[in-house]
Amino acid sequence: MDAAAAPRCLLRGLNELKDPRVERTKHHSPHDIPIITILAVMKCRREVIGQANQLGNLGVIAKQRGNVAEASMLWTEAGDLYAKIGMEPERKKVQGWMEKL
């Protein structure tokens, strides 16, 4: 399937969804729910990236202050977060910093 056809295929699939909710619980249309879900996942991923970046920066500060143990701990946490969300280049960068300790 080419990239241009994917959104159309997704929309066709959304039209085929059955709505099992009772009338009083229908706050969003069935078409909106997958979009809301995708946006929520994107927001969470962005927040995790921000947290990993902060940990990486704090590790740099700890290393500059001579606290190698704290830098290693912070960079390990940052690398783990990057790995969880599939950001392998960033994880490798952090791993490289740790190897230079």
N, C-alpha and C. Protein backbone atom coordinates (compact mmCIF):
# COMPACT_ATOMS: atom_id res chain seq x y z
N MET A 1 0.85 -1.18 0.00
CA MET A 1 0.00 0.00 0.00
C MET A 1 0.89 1.24 0.00
N ASP A 2 0.60 2.18 -0.88
CA ASP A 2 1.42 3.39 -0.90
C ASP A 2 0.95 4.35 0.19
N ALA A 3 1.83 5.30 0.50
CA ALA A 3 1.57 6.22 1.62
C ALA A 3 0.32 7.07 1.40
N ALA A 4 0.03 7.42 0.15
CA ALA A 4 -1.14 8.26 -0.13
C ALA A 4 -2.44 7.50 0.11
N ALA A 5 -2.42 6.19 -0.09
CA ALA A 5 -3.64 5.40 0.08
C ALA A 5 -3.92 5.07 1.54
N ALA A 6 -2.91 5.14 2.39
CA ALA A 6 -3.08 4.76 3.79
C ALA A 6 -4.16 5.57 4.50
N PRO A 7 -4.17 6.91 4.40
CA PRO A 7 -5.24 7.65 5.09
C PRO A 7 -6.62 7.28 4.60
N ARG A 8 -6.78 7.05 3.30
CA ARG A 8 -8.10 6.67 2.78
C ARG A 8 -8.51 5.30 3.32
N CYS A 9 -7.55 4.40 3.40
CA CYS A 9 -7.83 3.07 3.93
C CYS A 9 -8.23 3.16 5.40
N LEU A 10 -7.53 4.01 6.15
CA LEU A 10 -7.86 4.20 7.56
C LEU A 10 -9.27 4.76 7.70
N LEU A 11 -9.63 5.75 6.89
CA LEU A 11 -10.97 6.33 6.97
C LEU A 11 -12.04 5.31 6.60
N ARG A 12 -11.76 4.49 5.59
CA ARG A 12 -12.71 3.44 5.23
C ARG A 12 -12.90 2.48 6.40
N GLY A 13 -11.81 2.13 7.06
CA GLY A 13 -11.90 1.24 8.21
C GLY A 13 -12.70 1.85 9.35
N LEU A 14 -12.53 3.17 9.55
CA LEU A 14 -13.29 3.84 10.61
C LEU A 14 -14.78 3.81 10.32
N ASN A 15 -15.16 3.91 9.06
CA ASN A 15 -16.58 3.88 8.70
C ASN A 15 -17.20 2.52 8.99
N GLU A 16 -16.39 1.47 9.05
CA GLU A 16 -16.90 0.13 9.29
C GLU A 16 -16.97 -0.21 10.78
N LEU A 17 -16.46 0.67 11.64
CA LEU A 17 -16.49 0.40 13.09
C LEU A 17 -17.92 0.37 13.60
N LYS A 18 -18.20 -0.61 14.43
CA LYS A 18 -19.49 -0.67 15.11
C LYS A 18 -19.35 0.05 16.44
N ASP A 19 -20.36 0.81 16.80
CA ASP A 19 -20.32 1.58 18.05
C ASP A 19 -21.11 0.84 19.12
N PRO A 20 -20.43 0.19 20.09
CA PRO A 20 -21.13 -0.60 21.10
C PRO A 20 -21.67 0.24 22.27
N ARG A 21 -21.45 1.53 22.25
CA ARG A 21 -21.84 2.35 23.40
C ARG A 21 -23.35 2.59 23.43
N VAL A 22 -23.86 2.79 24.64
CA VAL A 22 -25.26 3.19 24.78
C VAL A 22 -25.34 4.69 24.52
N GLU A 23 -26.49 5.16 24.19
CA GLU A 23 -26.67 6.55 23.74
C GLU A 23 -26.15 7.57 24.76
N ARG A 24 -26.36 7.33 26.06
CA ARG A 24 -25.97 8.33 27.06
C ARG A 24 -24.46 8.47 27.22
N THR A 25 -23.67 7.53 26.70
CA THR A 25 -22.21 7.61 26.84
C THR A 25 -21.52 8.11 25.57
N LYS A 26 -22.28 8.52 24.59
CA LYS A 26 -21.70 8.93 23.30
C LYS A 26 -21.34 10.42 23.34
N HIS A 27 -20.15 10.71 23.92
CA HIS A 27 -19.67 12.09 23.97
C HIS A 27 -18.88 12.45 22.73
N HIS A 28 -18.28 11.46 22.07
CA HIS A 28 -17.48 11.69 20.86
C HIS A 28 -17.97 10.74 19.78
N SER A 29 -17.84 11.18 18.54
CA SER A 29 -18.23 10.31 17.44
C SER A 29 -17.25 9.15 17.33
N PRO A 30 -17.67 8.02 16.80
CA PRO A 30 -16.76 6.88 16.65
C PRO A 30 -15.54 7.22 15.79
N HIS A 31 -15.68 8.19 14.90
CA HIS A 31 -14.55 8.58 14.05
C HIS A 31 -13.52 9.42 14.81
N ASP A 32 -13.97 10.12 15.85
CA ASP A 32 -13.07 10.96 16.62
C ASP A 32 -12.20 10.16 17.60
N ILE A 33 -12.70 9.05 18.09
CA ILE A 33 -12.01 8.30 19.14
C ILE A 33 -10.62 7.82 18.70
N PRO A 34 -10.46 7.21 17.51
CA PRO A 34 -9.10 6.82 17.12
C PRO A 34 -8.16 8.02 16.96
N ILE A 35 -8.68 9.13 16.47
CA ILE A 35 -7.87 10.34 16.32
C ILE A 35 -7.43 10.86 17.68
N ILE A 36 -8.35 10.89 18.63
CA ILE A 36 -8.02 11.32 20.00
C ILE A 36 -6.94 10.40 20.58
N THR A 37 -7.09 9.10 20.34
CA THR A 37 -6.12 8.13 20.85
C THR A 37 -4.73 8.37 20.26
N ILE A 38 -4.67 8.57 18.95
CA ILE A 38 -3.38 8.81 18.28
C ILE A 38 -2.73 10.08 18.82
N LEU A 39 -3.51 11.13 18.98
CA LEU A 39 -2.97 12.39 19.50
C LEU A 39 -2.48 12.23 20.94
N ALA A 40 -3.19 11.46 21.74
CA ALA A 40 -2.76 11.23 23.12
C ALA A 40 -1.44 10.48 23.17
N VAL A 41 -1.29 9.48 22.30
CA VAL A 41 -0.03 8.73 22.26
C VAL A 41 1.12 9.65 21.82
N MET A 42 0.86 10.50 20.82
CA MET A 42 1.89 11.43 20.36
C MET A 42 2.31 12.38 21.48
N LYS A 43 1.32 12.86 22.25
CA LYS A 43 1.62 13.77 23.36
C LYS A 43 2.47 13.07 24.42
N CYS A 44 2.11 11.84 24.76
CA CYS A 44 2.89 11.08 25.76
C CYS A 44 4.31 10.87 25.28
N ARG A 45 4.48 10.54 24.00
CA ARG A 45 5.82 10.31 23.47
C ARG A 45 6.65 11.59 23.56
N ARG A 46 6.02 12.72 23.22
CA ARG A 46 6.73 14.00 23.30
C ARG A 46 7.16 14.29 24.74
N GLU A 47 6.30 13.97 25.70
CA GLU A 47 6.65 14.20 27.10
C GLU A 47 7.80 13.31 27.55
N VAL A 48 7.81 12.06 27.07
CA VAL A 48 8.91 11.15 27.42
C VAL A 48 10.22 11.65 26.81
N ILE A 49 10.16 12.13 25.58
CA ILE A 49 11.36 12.68 24.94
C ILE A 49 11.88 13.86 25.76
N GLY A 50 10.99 14.73 26.20
CA GLY A 50 11.38 15.87 27.02
C GLY A 50 12.03 15.44 28.32
N GLN A 51 11.47 14.42 28.94
CA GLN A 51 12.03 13.92 30.20
C GLN A 51 13.41 13.32 29.96
N ALA A 52 13.57 12.54 28.89
CA ALA A 52 14.87 11.93 28.58
C ALA A 52 15.90 13.01 28.28
N ASN A 53 15.49 14.05 27.56
CA ASN A 53 16.41 15.16 27.26
C ASN A 53 16.87 15.85 28.54
N GLN A 54 15.93 16.06 29.46
CA GLN A 54 16.29 16.70 30.74
C GLN A 54 17.26 15.83 31.52
N LEU A 55 17.02 14.53 31.55
CA LEU A 55 17.94 13.63 32.26
C LEU A 55 19.33 13.67 31.63
N GLY A 56 19.37 13.70 30.30
CA GLY A 56 20.66 13.79 29.62
C GLY A 56 21.40 15.07 29.96
N ASN A 57 20.67 16.17 29.97
CA ASN A 57 21.29 17.46 30.31
C ASN A 57 21.78 17.49 31.76
N LEU A 58 20.97 16.93 32.65
CA LEU A 58 21.39 16.86 34.06
C LEU A 58 22.64 15.99 34.21
N GLY A 59 22.73 14.95 33.41
CA GLY A 59 23.92 14.11 33.43
C GLY A 59 25.17 14.87 33.00
N VAL A 60 25.01 15.73 31.99
CA VAL A 60 26.14 16.56 31.55
C VAL A 60 26.59 17.49 32.68
N ILE A 61 25.62 18.09 33.35
CA ILE A 61 25.95 18.99 34.47
C ILE A 61 26.65 18.22 35.59
N ALA A 62 26.12 17.04 35.91
CA ALA A 62 26.74 16.22 36.97
C ALA A 62 28.18 15.86 36.60
N LYS A 63 28.41 15.51 35.35
CA LYS A 63 29.77 15.17 34.92
C LYS A 63 30.70 16.38 35.04
N GLN A 64 30.20 17.55 34.62
CA GLN A 64 31.02 18.76 34.72
C GLN A 64 31.37 19.09 36.16
N ARG A 65 30.50 18.72 37.07
CA ARG A 65 30.76 18.97 38.51
C ARG A 65 31.60 17.86 39.13
N GLY A 66 31.96 16.85 38.33
CA GLY A 66 32.80 15.78 38.83
C GLY A 66 32.05 14.63 39.47
N ASN A 67 30.73 14.63 39.40
CA ASN A 67 29.93 13.56 39.99
C ASN A 67 29.63 12.51 38.92
N VAL A 68 30.58 11.63 38.72
CA VAL A 68 30.48 10.62 37.66
C VAL A 68 29.37 9.61 37.95
N ALA A 69 29.20 9.23 39.19
CA ALA A 69 28.16 8.26 39.54
C ALA A 69 26.77 8.80 39.21
N GLU A 70 26.52 10.06 39.55
CA GLU A 70 25.22 10.67 39.26
C GLU A 70 25.02 10.81 37.75
N ALA A 71 26.08 11.21 37.05
CA ALA A 71 25.98 11.34 35.59
C ALA A 71 25.63 9.99 34.97
N SER A 72 26.28 8.95 35.43
CA SER A 72 26.01 7.61 34.90
C SER A 72 24.56 7.20 35.16
N MET A 73 24.07 7.46 36.38
CA MET A 73 22.70 7.11 36.72
C MET A 73 21.70 7.87 35.84
N LEU A 74 21.92 9.17 35.68
CA LEU A 74 21.01 9.99 34.87
C LEU A 74 21.03 9.57 33.41
N TRP A 75 22.22 9.29 32.89
CA TRP A 75 22.32 8.88 31.49
C TRP A 75 21.73 7.49 31.27
N THR A 76 21.83 6.63 32.27
CA THR A 76 21.20 5.31 32.16
C THR A 76 19.69 5.47 32.06
N GLU A 77 19.13 6.32 32.90
CA GLU A 77 17.68 6.56 32.85
C GLU A 77 17.27 7.16 31.51
N ALA A 78 18.04 8.12 31.02
CA ALA A 78 17.73 8.75 29.73
C ALA A 78 17.80 7.71 28.61
N GLY A 79 18.84 6.90 28.62
CA GLY A 79 18.98 5.86 27.60
C GLY A 79 17.84 4.86 27.63
N ASP A 80 17.41 4.49 28.84
CA ASP A 80 16.28 3.56 28.97
C ASP A 80 15.00 4.15 28.40
N LEU A 81 14.77 5.44 28.66
CA LEU A 81 13.58 6.09 28.10
C LEU A 81 13.65 6.14 26.58
N TYR A 82 14.79 6.52 26.05
CA TYR A 82 14.93 6.55 24.59
C TYR A 82 14.69 5.16 23.99
N ALA A 83 15.19 4.13 24.65
CA ALA A 83 15.00 2.77 24.14
C ALA A 83 13.53 2.37 24.16
N LYS A 84 12.81 2.77 25.21
CA LYS A 84 11.39 2.40 25.33
C LYS A 84 10.54 2.99 24.21
N ILE A 85 10.93 4.16 23.71
CA ILE A 85 10.12 4.78 22.66
C ILE A 85 10.75 4.65 21.29
N GLY A 86 11.78 3.81 21.20
CA GLY A 86 12.34 3.50 19.89
C GLY A 86 13.26 4.54 19.30
N MET A 87 13.89 5.35 20.12
CA MET A 87 14.80 6.38 19.62
C MET A 87 16.24 5.88 19.75
N GLU A 88 16.59 4.92 18.90
CA GLU A 88 17.88 4.26 18.97
C GLU A 88 19.06 5.21 18.77
N PRO A 89 19.03 6.17 17.84
CA PRO A 89 20.18 7.08 17.70
C PRO A 89 20.48 7.86 18.98
N GLU A 90 19.43 8.32 19.65
CA GLU A 90 19.63 9.06 20.89
C GLU A 90 20.15 8.14 21.99
N ARG A 91 19.64 6.91 22.04
CA ARG A 91 20.12 5.96 23.04
C ARG A 91 21.61 5.67 22.83
N LYS A 92 22.01 5.53 21.56
CA LYS A 92 23.42 5.28 21.27
C LYS A 92 24.29 6.49 21.64
N LYS A 93 23.76 7.69 21.44
CA LYS A 93 24.51 8.89 21.81
C LYS A 93 24.77 8.91 23.32
N VAL A 94 23.73 8.62 24.09
CA VAL A 94 23.87 8.60 25.55
C VAL A 94 24.84 7.48 25.95
N GLN A 95 24.74 6.34 25.29
CA GLN A 95 25.65 5.23 25.57
C GLN A 95 27.11 5.65 25.32
N GLY A 96 27.33 6.40 24.26
CA GLY A 96 28.66 6.91 23.97
C GLY A 96 29.20 7.82 25.08
N TRP A 97 28.32 8.66 25.63
CA TRP A 97 28.74 9.52 26.75
C TRP A 97 29.15 8.66 27.94
N MET A 98 28.38 7.61 28.20
CA MET A 98 28.67 6.76 29.35
C MET A 98 30.00 6.02 29.18
N GLU A 99 30.28 5.63 27.95
CA GLU A 99 31.54 4.92 27.70
C GLU A 99 32.76 5.82 27.91
N LYS A 100 32.57 7.13 27.81
CA LYS A 100 33.69 8.06 28.01
C LYS A 100 33.91 8.40 29.47
N LEU A 101 33.05 7.91 30.34
CA LEU A 101 33.23 8.21 31.78
C LEU A 101 34.45 7.53 32.34
